[in-house]
C-alpha cells in the first residue's frame, strides 16, 4: 500500500490501463457469446464494480490470515509450497467475497431472469476483481521503471490469473443456473457445491504457480484452459436451452 500511495500519477495510469483493459477484452469476448439478448449495461457495470469492491476486503482478510499463519505454522509463508492453509484460505476468501458481493448487488435484480444470466454476471464480477488485482500487481514493476517486467506480468495474468477468476466464478454461476428452478434447499446445496469447486480450482492453480517450476506452471495453465473448455461447453448448453423454442431475433 506504501507503493500505491507514493507511486507517480503516470505510473498509476499505466498500471490502471494495463490492469483493466485485458479483463475488458475478455468481457467483450465472453459477452459476444450471448449477444442475441445482451444484458443491461448498468447491471453489467454494477457486477464489474462489485468484483472490484471485493479486492480491498480480500486484501485485508488475506493479510490477517497470512499473519496468523506465520504464528501458527512456524516458517510458513505464502511462498512456501507446503503451506496449504494460506493457499486454501486465500482461495476461500476471494471466491466467497466475489460471490457474496455480486449476490448482494446484482443477482436479486429483475433483469437476472434466465439461468444464463447468472453465469454472465458472475463472470463479469470476476473480471472486475481481476482488473483491480492486476492493477496492484503492475504498480510495482512500473513504479520501478521495469516496463518489460510489467508487460510480461500483464500478459501472463491475461492468459492465467484473469481467466482463472472467470472460470472459478463461472463454476458458481453454472451451479446457480442449473439449479434455478429447484427447491430452495437444493439450490443452496448447488450454490455451496459450486463455491467449493471454485475454491478448489483457485487453490490448485495457486499451488502449482507458487511451486515456481516450469512443469508445475504448465500444470497450472492446463487446469485453467481445461476449465475453459468445460465453460464453453456448458455455456453453449445454457444458450441452447434458452433459445431452442424461440424464433430468431426474439429473446
C-alpha atoms as a PDB file:
ATOM      1  CA  UNK A   1       0.000   0.000   0.000  1.00  0.00           C
ATOM      2  CA  UNK A   2       3.001   2.301   0.584  1.00  0.00           C
ATOM      3  CA  UNK A   3       3.999   1.863  -3.060  1.00  0.00           C
ATOM      4  CA  UNK A   4       0.451   2.681  -4.131  1.00  0.00           C
ATOM      5  CA  UNK A   5       0.463   5.897  -2.077  1.00  0.00           C
ATOM      6  CA  UNK A   6       3.878   7.045  -3.332  1.00  0.00           C
ATOM      7  CA  UNK A   7       3.562   5.993  -6.977  1.00  0.00           C
ATOM      8  CA  UNK A   8       3.526   8.844  -9.536  1.00  0.00           C
ATOM      9  CA  UNK A   9       0.259   9.574 -11.303  1.00  0.00           C
ATOM     10  CA  UNK A  10       1.692   8.354 -14.618  1.00  0.00           C
ATOM     11  CA  UNK A  11       2.682   5.033 -13.073  1.00  0.00           C
ATOM     12  CA  UNK A  12      -0.799   4.602 -11.636  1.00  0.00           C
ATOM     13  CA  UNK A  13      -2.263   5.418 -15.041  1.00  0.00           C
ATOM     14  CA  UNK A  14      -0.158   2.817 -16.840  1.00  0.00           C
ATOM     15  CA  UNK A  15      -0.907   0.224 -14.170  1.00  0.00           C
ATOM     16  CA  UNK A  16      -4.620   1.038 -14.375  1.00  0.00           C
ATOM     17  CA  UNK A  17      -4.724   0.697 -18.157  1.00  0.00           C
ATOM     18  CA  UNK A  18      -2.597  -2.434 -18.136  1.00  0.00           C
ATOM     19  CA  UNK A  19      -4.718  -3.983 -15.404  1.00  0.00           C
ATOM     20  CA  UNK A  20      -8.212  -3.032 -16.536  1.00  0.00           C
ATOM     21  CA  UNK A  21      -8.049  -3.246 -20.340  1.00  0.00           C
ATOM     22  CA  UNK A  22      -7.243  -7.003 -20.572  1.00  0.00           C
ATOM     23  CA  UNK A  23     -10.252  -8.003 -18.413  1.00  0.00           C
ATOM     24  CA  UNK A  24     -12.421  -5.707 -20.532  1.00  0.00           C
ATOM     25  CA  UNK A  25     -11.174  -7.554 -23.621  1.00  0.00           C
ATOM     26  CA  UNK A  26     -12.150 -10.857 -22.008  1.00  0.00           C
ATOM     27  CA  UNK A  27     -15.518  -9.393 -21.020  1.00  0.00           C
ATOM     28  CA  UNK A  28     -16.227  -8.194 -24.563  1.00  0.00           C
ATOM     29  CA  UNK A  29     -15.263 -11.593 -25.983  1.00  0.00           C
ATOM     30  CA  UNK A  30     -17.364 -13.545 -23.473  1.00  0.00           C
ATOM     31  CA  UNK A  31     -20.411 -11.302 -23.800  1.00  0.00           C
ATOM     32  CA  UNK A  32     -20.302 -11.818 -27.575  1.00  0.00           C
ATOM     33  CA  UNK A  33     -21.039 -15.467 -26.846  1.00  0.00           C
ATOM     34  CA  UNK A  34     -24.562 -14.394 -25.865  1.00  0.00           C
ATOM     35  CA  UNK A  35     -25.132 -11.183 -27.841  1.00  0.00           C
ATOM     36  CA  UNK A  36     -28.585 -12.222 -29.051  1.00  0.00           C
ATOM     37  CA  UNK A  37     -30.151 -10.827 -25.861  1.00  0.00           C
ATOM     38  CA  UNK A  38     -27.481  -8.668 -24.197  1.00  0.00           C
ATOM     39  CA  UNK A  39     -27.712  -7.843 -20.529  1.00  0.00           C
ATOM     40  CA  UNK A  40     -28.399  -4.214 -19.472  1.00  0.00           C
ATOM     41  CA  UNK A  41     -25.187  -2.209 -19.347  1.00  0.00           C
ATOM     42  CA  UNK A  42     -25.947  -0.703 -15.884  1.00  0.00           C
ATOM     43  CA  UNK A  43     -26.275  -4.182 -14.372  1.00  0.00           C
ATOM     44  CA  UNK A  44     -23.061  -5.322 -16.029  1.00  0.00           C
ATOM     45  CA  UNK A  45     -21.299  -2.247 -14.697  1.00  0.00           C
ATOM     46  CA  UNK A  46     -22.576  -2.881 -11.172  1.00  0.00           C
ATOM     47  CA  UNK A  47     -21.402  -6.503 -11.398  1.00  0.00           C
ATOM     48  CA  UNK A  48     -17.960  -5.398 -12.616  1.00  0.00           C
ATOM     49  CA  UNK A  49     -17.658  -2.847  -9.807  1.00  0.00           C
ATOM     50  CA  UNK A  50     -18.855  -5.382  -7.237  1.00  0.00           C
ATOM     51  CA  UNK A  51     -15.899  -7.550  -8.204  1.00  0.00           C
ATOM     52  CA  UNK A  52     -13.543  -4.598  -7.776  1.00  0.00           C
ATOM     53  CA  UNK A  53     -15.068  -3.814  -4.373  1.00  0.00           C
ATOM     54  CA  UNK A  54     -14.202  -7.334  -3.221  1.00  0.00           C
ATOM     55  CA  UNK A  55     -10.464  -6.710  -3.656  1.00  0.00           C
ATOM     56  CA  UNK A  56      -9.784  -4.431  -0.643  1.00  0.00           C
ATOM     57  CA  UNK A  57     -11.811  -6.715   1.632  1.00  0.00           C
ATOM     58  CA  UNK A  58      -9.876  -9.691   0.287  1.00  0.00           C
ATOM     59  CA  UNK A  59      -6.537  -7.960   0.872  1.00  0.00           C
ATOM     60  CA  UNK A  60      -7.458  -7.204   4.470  1.00  0.00           C
ATOM     61  CA  UNK A  61      -8.618 -10.736   5.254  1.00  0.00           C
ATOM     62  CA  UNK A  62      -5.696 -12.332   3.407  1.00  0.00           C
ATOM     63  CA  UNK A  63      -3.209 -10.214   5.341  1.00  0.00           C
ATOM     64  CA  UNK A  64      -4.805 -11.266   8.625  1.00  0.00           C
ATOM     65  CA  UNK A  65      -4.696 -14.912   7.564  1.00  0.00           C
ATOM     66  CA  UNK A  66      -1.065 -14.648   6.479  1.00  0.00           C
ATOM     67  CA  UNK A  67      -0.041 -13.054   9.768  1.00  0.00           C
ATOM     68  CA  UNK A  68      -1.893 -15.750  11.713  1.00  0.00           C
ATOM     69  CA  UNK A  69      -0.250 -18.498   9.636  1.00  0.00           C
ATOM     70  CA  UNK A  70       3.201 -17.076  10.352  1.00  0.00           C
ATOM     71  CA  UNK A  71       2.492 -17.565  14.059  1.00  0.00           C
ATOM     72  CA  UNK A  72       0.547 -20.834  13.922  1.00  0.00           C
ATOM     73  CA  UNK A  73       2.820 -22.546  11.379  1.00  0.00           C
ATOM     74  CA  UNK A  74       6.457 -21.716  12.071  1.00  0.00           C
ATOM     75  CA  UNK A  75       8.306 -20.785   8.906  1.00  0.00           C
ATOM     76  CA  UNK A  76       5.162 -20.855   6.793  1.00  0.00           C
ATOM     77  CA  UNK A  77       4.644 -18.183   4.144  1.00  0.00           C
ATOM     78  CA  UNK A  78       2.566 -17.711   1.031  1.00  0.00           C
ATOM     79  CA  UNK A  79       5.661 -18.656  -0.964  1.00  0.00           C
ATOM     80  CA  UNK A  80       6.209 -21.981   0.775  1.00  0.00           C
ATOM     81  CA  UNK A  81       4.694 -24.707  -1.453  1.00  0.00           C
ATOM     82  CA  UNK A  82       3.709 -26.823   1.556  1.00  0.00           C
ATOM     83  CA  UNK A  83       1.862 -24.025   3.313  1.00  0.00           C
ATOM     84  CA  UNK A  84      -1.570 -25.237   2.270  1.00  0.00           C
ATOM     85  CA  UNK A  85      -3.525 -23.196   4.881  1.00  0.00           C
ATOM     86  CA  UNK A  86      -2.583 -19.899   3.227  1.00  0.00           C
ATOM     87  CA  UNK A  87      -3.160 -21.116  -0.316  1.00  0.00           C
ATOM     88  CA  UNK A  88      -6.531 -22.639   0.533  1.00  0.00           C
ATOM     89  CA  UNK A  89      -7.554 -19.797   2.833  1.00  0.00           C
ATOM     90  CA  UNK A  90      -6.856 -17.098   0.262  1.00  0.00           C
ATOM     91  CA  UNK A  91      -8.881 -19.024  -2.310  1.00  0.00           C
ATOM     92  CA  UNK A  92     -11.798 -19.312   0.122  1.00  0.00           C
ATOM     93  CA  UNK A  93     -11.654 -15.581   0.850  1.00  0.00           C
ATOM     94  CA  UNK A  94     -11.543 -14.438  -2.781  1.00  0.00           C
ATOM     95  CA  UNK A  95     -14.176 -16.781  -4.176  1.00  0.00           C
ATOM     96  CA  UNK A  96     -16.570 -16.214  -1.279  1.00  0.00           C
ATOM     97  CA  UNK A  97     -16.255 -12.429  -1.442  1.00  0.00           C
ATOM     98  CA  UNK A  98     -16.817 -12.354  -5.208  1.00  0.00           C
ATOM     99  CA  UNK A  99     -19.976 -14.401  -4.839  1.00  0.00           C
ATOM    100  CA  UNK A 100     -21.334 -12.573  -1.795  1.00  0.00           C
ATOM    101  CA  UNK A 101     -20.906  -9.086  -3.274  1.00  0.00           C
ATOM    102  CA  UNK A 102     -22.413  -9.896  -6.668  1.00  0.00           C
ATOM    103  CA  UNK A 103     -25.268 -11.707  -4.906  1.00  0.00           C
ATOM    104  CA  UNK A 104     -25.945  -8.663  -2.750  1.00  0.00           C
ATOM    105  CA  UNK A 105     -25.652  -6.084  -5.520  1.00  0.00           C
ATOM    106  CA  UNK A 106     -26.854  -7.819  -8.695  1.00  0.00           C
ATOM    107  CA  UNK A 107     -28.307 -11.316  -8.602  1.00  0.00           C
ATOM    108  CA  UNK A 108     -31.562 -10.293  -6.900  1.00  0.00           C
ATOM    109  CA  UNK A 109     -32.457  -7.796  -9.676  1.00  0.00           C
ATOM    110  CA  UNK A 110     -35.373  -8.352 -12.059  1.00  0.00           C
ATOM    111  CA  UNK A 111     -33.011  -8.304 -15.051  1.00  0.00           C
ATOM    112  CA  UNK A 112     -31.467 -11.544 -13.803  1.00  0.00           C
ATOM    113  CA  UNK A 113     -34.305 -13.706 -15.042  1.00  0.00           C
ATOM    114  CA  UNK A 114     -32.642 -16.505 -17.027  1.00  0.00           C
ATOM    115  CA  UNK A 115     -30.188 -19.244 -15.992  1.00  0.00           C
ATOM    116  CA  UNK A 116     -27.510 -17.956 -18.365  1.00  0.00           C
ATOM    117  CA  UNK A 117     -27.731 -14.502 -16.755  1.00  0.00           C
ATOM    118  CA  UNK A 118     -26.320 -15.922 -13.521  1.00  0.00           C
ATOM    119  CA  UNK A 119     -23.185 -17.073 -15.320  1.00  0.00           C
ATOM    120  CA  UNK A 120     -22.786 -13.763 -17.147  1.00  0.00           C
ATOM    121  CA  UNK A 121     -22.972 -11.664 -14.000  1.00  0.00           C
ATOM    122  CA  UNK A 122     -20.683 -13.968 -12.036  1.00  0.00           C
ATOM    123  CA  UNK A 123     -18.000 -13.843 -14.733  1.00  0.00           C
ATOM    124  CA  UNK A 124     -18.415 -10.076 -15.041  1.00  0.00           C
ATOM    125  CA  UNK A 125     -17.802  -9.692 -11.303  1.00  0.00           C
ATOM    126  CA  UNK A 126     -14.793 -11.990 -11.597  1.00  0.00           C
ATOM    127  CA  UNK A 127     -13.309  -9.774 -14.298  1.00  0.00           C
ATOM    128  CA  UNK A 128     -13.862  -6.716 -12.106  1.00  0.00           C
ATOM    129  CA  UNK A 129     -11.942  -8.440  -9.320  1.00  0.00           C
ATOM    130  CA  UNK A 130      -9.167  -9.472 -11.708  1.00  0.00           C
ATOM    131  CA  UNK A 131      -8.943  -5.935 -13.119  1.00  0.00           C
ATOM    132  CA  UNK A 132      -8.169  -4.267  -9.787  1.00  0.00           C
ATOM    133  CA  UNK A 133      -5.942  -7.150  -8.724  1.00  0.00           C
ATOM    134  CA  UNK A 134      -3.985  -6.766 -11.976  1.00  0.00           C
ATOM    135  CA  UNK A 135      -3.528  -3.040 -11.302  1.00  0.00           C
ATOM    136  CA  UNK A 136      -1.989  -3.796  -7.911  1.00  0.00           C
ATOM    137  CA  UNK A 137       0.370  -6.366  -9.426  1.00  0.00           C
ATOM    138  CA  UNK A 138       1.508  -3.951 -12.150  1.00  0.00           C
ATOM    139  CA  UNK A 139       2.183  -0.936  -9.933  1.00  0.00           C
ATOM    140  CA  UNK A 140       5.437  -2.357  -8.536  1.00  0.00           C
ATOM    141  CA  UNK A 141       7.252  -3.064 -11.838  1.00  0.00           C
ATOM    142  CA  UNK A 142       6.029   0.167 -13.420  1.00  0.00           C
ATOM    143  CA  UNK A 143       6.979   2.172 -10.319  1.00  0.00           C
ATOM    144  CA  UNK A 144      10.458   0.650 -10.507  1.00  0.00           C
ATOM    145  CA  UNK A 145      10.754   1.563 -14.188  1.00  0.00           C
ATOM    146  CA  UNK A 146      10.756  -2.094 -15.266  1.00  0.00           C
ATOM    147  CA  UNK A 147       8.330  -1.782 -18.155  1.00  0.00           C
ATOM    148  CA  UNK A 148       9.331  -5.135 -19.654  1.00  0.00           C
ATOM    149  CA  UNK A 149       8.546  -6.941 -16.403  1.00  0.00           C
ATOM    150  CA  UNK A 150       5.254  -5.070 -16.220  1.00  0.00           C
ATOM    151  CA  UNK A 151       4.292  -6.168 -19.722  1.00  0.00           C
ATOM    152  CA  UNK A 152       5.327  -9.745 -19.003  1.00  0.00           C
ATOM    153  CA  UNK A 153       3.301  -9.769 -15.789  1.00  0.00           C
ATOM    154  CA  UNK A 154       0.281  -8.338 -17.589  1.00  0.00           C
ATOM    155  CA  UNK A 155       0.485 -10.903 -20.404  1.00  0.00           C
ATOM    156  CA  UNK A 156       0.804 -13.848 -18.026  1.00  0.00           C
ATOM    157  CA  UNK A 157      -2.119 -12.638 -15.935  1.00  0.00           C
ATOM    158  CA  UNK A 158      -4.209 -12.147 -19.103  1.00  0.00           C
ATOM    159  CA  UNK A 159      -3.986 -15.849 -20.011  1.00  0.00           C
ATOM    160  CA  UNK A 160      -3.625 -17.153 -16.464  1.00  0.00           C
ATOM    161  CA  UNK A 161      -4.939 -15.463 -13.330  1.00  0.00           C
ATOM    162  CA  UNK A 162      -7.581 -13.343 -15.073  1.00  0.00           C
ATOM    163  CA  UNK A 163      -9.023 -16.352 -16.835  1.00  0.00           C
ATOM    164  CA  UNK A 164      -8.789 -18.339 -13.594  1.00  0.00           C
ATOM    165  CA  UNK A 165     -11.062 -15.837 -11.849  1.00  0.00           C
ATOM    166  CA  UNK A 166     -13.567 -16.146 -14.690  1.00  0.00           C
ATOM    167  CA  UNK A 167     -13.585 -19.939 -14.625  1.00  0.00           C
ATOM    168  CA  UNK A 168     -13.825 -20.125 -10.818  1.00  0.00           C
ATOM    169  CA  UNK A 169     -16.708 -17.654 -10.522  1.00  0.00           C
ATOM    170  CA  UNK A 170     -18.415 -19.253 -13.513  1.00  0.00           C
ATOM    171  CA  UNK A 171     -18.447 -22.542 -11.615  1.00  0.00           C
ATOM    172  CA  UNK A 172     -20.672 -20.838  -9.060  1.00  0.00           C
ATOM    173  CA  UNK A 173     -22.719 -19.270 -11.847  1.00  0.00           C
ATOM    174  CA  UNK A 174     -23.312 -22.605 -13.547  1.00  0.00           C
ATOM    175  CA  UNK A 175     -24.287 -24.226 -10.235  1.00  0.00           C
ATOM    176  CA  UNK A 176     -26.850 -21.469  -9.684  1.00  0.00           C
ATOM    177  CA  UNK A 177     -28.027 -21.608 -13.294  1.00  0.00           C
ATOM    178  CA  UNK A 178     -28.654 -25.343 -13.491  1.00  0.00           C
ATOM    179  CA  UNK A 179     -30.471 -25.325 -10.135  1.00  0.00           C
ATOM    180  CA  UNK A 180     -32.514 -22.177 -10.764  1.00  0.00           C
ATOM    181  CA  UNK A 181     -35.851 -23.998 -10.795  1.00  0.00           C
ATOM    182  CA  UNK A 182     -35.075 -26.341  -7.904  1.00  0.00           C
ATOM    183  CA  UNK A 183     -36.399 -26.022  -4.365  1.00  0.00           C
ATOM    184  CA  UNK A 184     -34.501 -23.550  -2.177  1.00  0.00           C
ATOM    185  CA  UNK A 185     -32.678 -26.157  -0.039  1.00  0.00           C
ATOM    186  CA  UNK A 186     -31.441 -27.895  -3.182  1.00  0.00           C
ATOM    187  CA  UNK A 187     -30.435 -24.563  -4.743  1.00  0.00           C
ATOM    188  CA  UNK A 188     -28.434 -23.768  -1.604  1.00  0.00           C
ATOM    189  CA  UNK A 189     -26.716 -27.148  -1.883  1.00  0.00           C
ATOM    190  CA  UNK A 190     -25.760 -26.477  -5.512  1.00  0.00           C
ATOM    191  CA  UNK A 191     -24.531 -22.977  -4.640  1.00  0.00           C
ATOM    192  CA  UNK A 192     -22.262 -24.396  -1.933  1.00  0.00           C
ATOM    193  CA  UNK A 193     -21.056 -27.137  -4.266  1.00  0.00           C
ATOM    194  CA  UNK A 194     -20.269 -24.565  -6.961  1.00  0.00           C
ATOM    195  CA  UNK A 195     -18.392 -22.432  -4.441  1.00  0.00           C
ATOM    196  CA  UNK A 196     -16.366 -25.436  -3.269  1.00  0.00           C
ATOM    197  CA  UNK A 197     -15.481 -26.240  -6.884  1.00  0.00           C
ATOM    198  CA  UNK A 198     -14.440 -22.626  -7.465  1.00  0.00           C
ATOM    199  CA  UNK A 199     -12.242 -22.678  -4.359  1.00  0.00           C
ATOM    200  CA  UNK A 200     -10.637 -25.982  -5.369  1.00  0.00           C
ATOM    201  CA  UNK A 201      -9.883 -24.711  -8.872  1.00  0.00           C
ATOM    202  CA  UNK A 202      -8.406 -21.491  -7.495  1.00  0.00           C
ATOM    203  CA  UNK A 203      -6.318 -23.274  -4.854  1.00  0.00           C
ATOM    204  CA  UNK A 204      -4.909 -25.797  -7.330  1.00  0.00           C
ATOM    205  CA  UNK A 205      -3.874 -23.039  -9.725  1.00  0.00           C
ATOM    206  CA  UNK A 206      -2.185 -21.049  -6.952  1.00  0.00           C
ATOM    207  CA  UNK A 207      -0.426 -24.117  -5.566  1.00  0.00           C
ATOM    208  CA  UNK A 208       1.147 -25.014  -8.894  1.00  0.00           C
ATOM    209  CA  UNK A 209       2.067 -21.387  -9.676  1.00  0.00           C
ATOM    210  CA  UNK A 210       3.767 -20.922  -6.311  1.00  0.00           C
ATOM    211  CA  UNK A 211       5.867 -24.028  -6.920  1.00  0.00           C
ATOM    212  CA  UNK A 212       7.844 -21.847  -9.343  1.00  0.00           C
ATOM    213  CA  UNK A 213       8.853 -24.752 -11.573  1.00  0.00           C
ATOM    214  CA  UNK A 214       8.170 -24.696 -15.309  1.00  0.00           C
ATOM    215  CA  UNK A 215       6.381 -28.047 -15.276  1.00  0.00           C
ATOM    216  CA  UNK A 216       4.125 -27.024 -12.390  1.00  0.00           C
ATOM    217  CA  UNK A 217       3.390 -23.712 -14.099  1.00  0.00           C
ATOM    218  CA  UNK A 218       2.331 -25.682 -17.159  1.00  0.00           C
ATOM    219  CA  UNK A 219       0.008 -27.741 -14.952  1.00  0.00           C
ATOM    220  CA  UNK A 220      -1.500 -24.524 -13.592  1.00  0.00           C
ATOM    221  CA  UNK A 221      -2.285 -23.204 -17.061  1.00  0.00           C
ATOM    222  CA  UNK A 222      -3.532 -26.652 -18.135  1.00  0.00           C
ATOM    223  CA  UNK A 223      -6.052 -26.561 -15.280  1.00  0.00           C
ATOM    224  CA  UNK A 224      -7.337 -23.145 -16.350  1.00  0.00           C
ATOM    225  CA  UNK A 225      -7.632 -23.942 -20.031  1.00  0.00           C
ATOM    226  CA  UNK A 226      -9.264 -27.311 -19.351  1.00  0.00           C
ATOM    227  CA  UNK A 227     -11.807 -25.446 -17.249  1.00  0.00           C
ATOM    228  CA  UNK A 228     -12.257 -23.007 -20.138  1.00  0.00           C
ATOM    229  CA  UNK A 229     -13.186 -25.860 -22.479  1.00  0.00           C
ATOM    230  CA  UNK A 230     -15.766 -27.082 -19.971  1.00  0.00           C
ATOM    231  CA  UNK A 231     -17.003 -23.492 -19.581  1.00  0.00           C
ATOM    232  CA  UNK A 232     -17.783 -23.057 -23.287  1.00  0.00           C
ATOM    233  CA  UNK A 233     -19.475 -26.469 -23.456  1.00  0.00           C
ATOM    234  CA  UNK A 234     -21.744 -25.634 -20.518  1.00  0.00           C
ATOM    235  CA  UNK A 235     -22.341 -22.098 -21.787  1.00  0.00           C
ATOM    236  CA  UNK A 236     -23.480 -23.420 -25.166  1.00  0.00           C
ATOM    237  CA  UNK A 237     -25.794 -25.841 -23.351  1.00  0.00           C
ATOM    238  CA  UNK A 238     -27.441 -22.965 -21.494  1.00  0.00           C
ATOM    239  CA  UNK A 239     -27.762 -20.954 -24.725  1.00  0.00           C
ATOM    240  CA  UNK A 240     -29.429 -23.899 -26.445  1.00  0.00           C
ATOM    241  CA  UNK A 241     -31.890 -24.392 -23.582  1.00  0.00           C
ATOM    242  CA  UNK A 242     -32.691 -20.674 -23.532  1.00  0.00           C
ATOM    243  CA  UNK A 243     -33.309 -20.165 -27.253  1.00  0.00           C
ATOM    244  CA  UNK A 244     -34.366 -23.559 -28.580  1.00  0.00           C
ATOM    245  CA  UNK A 245     -38.107 -22.777 -28.622  1.00  0.00           C
ATOM    246  CA  UNK A 246     -37.838 -19.095 -29.562  1.00  0.00           C
ATOM    247  CA  UNK A 247     -37.987 -17.611 -33.053  1.00  0.00           C
ATOM    248  CA  UNK A 248     -34.874 -15.873 -34.300  1.00  0.00           C
ATOM    249  CA  UNK A 249     -34.307 -12.315 -33.065  1.00  0.00           C
ATOM    250  CA  UNK A 250     -36.656 -12.915 -30.124  1.00  0.00           C
ATOM    251  CA  UNK A 251     -35.375 -13.024 -26.535  1.00  0.00           C
END
